[in-house]
Amino acid sequence: MSVEGLRVDPTEVLIAADHVDVAADNLRADHGSAHSRIGAAQPGWIGSSAAALTASAAKWEEDSTRHYSELVGHVEALRSAASMYTGTDSQEKAAIDTAASGLDSMGL
């Protein structure tokens, strides 16, 4: 893709970050609730079934934590990208304004 074809609206990037942030919060809340229910059910299990449930529950909790962390990382990356796009746009505007001012001072 050429530079001329790059069109990014930082506001849209921030909106996307907010959507991912909500998804991360929902994942944490919903998985936390499920983990609590599994934990409450564990005392009723015995023998190898109890051991299997305990091992599975531990893995599910680790997976949930990892997925949540990945989503939070995406949120941070999106917000950082939006900030960088805004900063670049501001710098380029300043450069154009400076060039225009120089042309004005030369009577052009």
Protein backbone atom coordinates (compact mmCIF):
# COMPACT_ATOMS: atom_id res chain seq x y z
CA MET A 1 0.00 0.00 0.00
CA SER A 2 1.35 3.41 -0.89
CA VAL A 3 1.49 6.24 1.60
CA GLU A 4 -1.14 8.11 -0.45
CA GLY A 5 -3.54 5.23 0.19
CA LEU A 6 -3.18 5.30 3.96
CA ARG A 7 -6.26 6.80 5.57
CA VAL A 8 -6.61 6.49 9.33
CA ASP A 9 -9.11 8.27 11.54
CA PRO A 10 -7.60 8.30 15.05
CA THR A 11 -11.09 8.70 16.53
CA GLU A 12 -12.16 5.44 14.88
CA VAL A 13 -9.04 3.74 16.24
CA LEU A 14 -9.93 4.96 19.74
CA ILE A 15 -13.50 3.69 19.31
CA ALA A 16 -12.10 0.30 18.30
CA ALA A 17 -9.90 0.36 21.42
CA ASP A 18 -12.95 1.07 23.56
CA HIS A 19 -14.82 -1.86 21.99
CA VAL A 20 -11.92 -4.22 22.66
CA ASP A 21 -11.68 -2.85 26.22
CA VAL A 22 -15.37 -3.67 26.81
CA ALA A 23 -14.83 -7.15 25.35
CA ALA A 24 -11.89 -7.69 27.72
CA ASP A 25 -13.92 -6.57 30.72
CA ASN A 26 -16.83 -8.81 29.69
CA LEU A 27 -14.49 -11.77 29.23
CA ARG A 28 -12.99 -11.23 32.68
CA ALA A 29 -16.41 -10.86 34.34
CA ASP A 30 -18.07 -13.76 32.53
CA HIS A 31 -15.13 -16.11 32.93
CA GLY A 32 -14.73 -15.05 36.56
CA SER A 33 -18.35 -15.97 37.19
CA ALA A 34 -17.90 -19.33 35.47
CA HIS A 35 -14.73 -20.03 37.45
CA SER A 36 -16.57 -19.23 40.68
CA ARG A 37 -19.38 -21.63 39.80
CA ILE A 38 -16.88 -24.35 38.92
CA GLY A 39 -15.08 -23.73 42.21
CA ALA A 40 -18.34 -24.01 44.11
CA ALA A 41 -19.12 -27.32 42.38
CA GLN A 42 -15.70 -28.88 42.99
CA PRO A 43 -16.32 -30.14 46.55
CA GLY A 44 -19.08 -32.41 45.21
CA TRP A 45 -16.69 -34.25 42.90
CA ILE A 46 -14.60 -37.22 44.09
CA GLY A 47 -11.77 -39.39 42.88
CA SER A 48 -10.32 -39.06 39.41
CA SER A 49 -13.25 -36.87 38.32
CA ALA A 50 -12.34 -34.35 41.02
CA ALA A 51 -8.69 -34.38 39.96
CA ALA A 52 -9.65 -33.93 36.30
CA LEU A 53 -11.99 -31.05 37.13
CA THR A 54 -9.35 -29.37 39.29
CA ALA A 55 -6.74 -29.64 36.53
CA SER A 56 -9.17 -28.43 33.87
CA ALA A 57 -10.37 -25.54 36.00
CA ALA A 58 -6.79 -24.41 36.63
CA LYS A 59 -6.04 -24.50 32.90
CA TRP A 60 -9.24 -22.59 32.09
CA GLU A 61 -8.33 -19.90 34.62
CA GLU A 62 -4.84 -19.58 33.12
CA ASP A 63 -6.32 -19.39 29.62
CA SER A 64 -8.81 -16.73 30.71
CA THR A 65 -6.05 -14.66 32.29
CA ARG A 66 -3.91 -14.97 29.17
CA HIS A 67 -6.78 -14.02 26.83
CA TYR A 68 -7.66 -11.03 29.01
CA SER A 69 -4.02 -9.88 29.02
CA GLU A 70 -3.84 -10.23 25.23
CA LEU A 71 -6.97 -8.13 24.80
CA VAL A 72 -5.62 -5.46 27.15
CA GLY A 73 -2.42 -5.45 25.08
CA HIS A 74 -4.48 -4.83 21.94
CA VAL A 75 -6.30 -1.97 23.68
CA GLU A 76 -2.99 -0.37 24.65
CA ALA A 77 -1.61 -0.83 21.12
CA LEU A 78 -4.70 0.72 19.52
CA ARG A 79 -4.62 3.70 21.88
CA SER A 80 -0.91 4.16 21.26
CA ALA A 81 -1.45 4.00 17.49
CA ALA A 82 -4.21 6.61 17.68
CA SER A 83 -1.93 8.87 19.69
CA MET A 84 0.92 8.42 17.22
CA TYR A 85 -1.35 9.15 14.24
CA THR A 86 -2.60 12.30 15.97
CA GLY A 87 0.95 13.38 16.79
CA THR A 88 2.16 12.77 13.24
CA ASP A 89 -0.80 14.71 11.85
CA SER A 90 -0.05 17.63 14.18
CA GLN A 91 3.62 17.64 13.19
CA GLU A 92 2.78 17.57 9.49
CA LYS A 93 0.26 20.40 9.96
CA ALA A 94 2.93 22.48 11.69
CA ALA A 95 5.37 21.80 8.83
CA ILE A 96 2.77 22.87 6.25
CA ASP A 97 1.92 26.00 8.27
CA THR A 98 5.63 26.88 8.48
CA ALA A 99 6.08 26.38 4.75
CA ALA A 100 2.98 28.45 4.00
CA SER A 101 4.22 31.22 6.27
CA GLY A 102 7.55 31.20 4.44
CA LEU A 103 5.80 31.50 1.10
CA ASP A 104 3.67 34.37 2.43
CA SER A 105 6.77 36.23 3.62
CA MET A 106 8.25 35.89 0.12
CA GLY A 107 5.07 37.34 -1.36
CA LEU A 108 4.07 34.08 -3.02
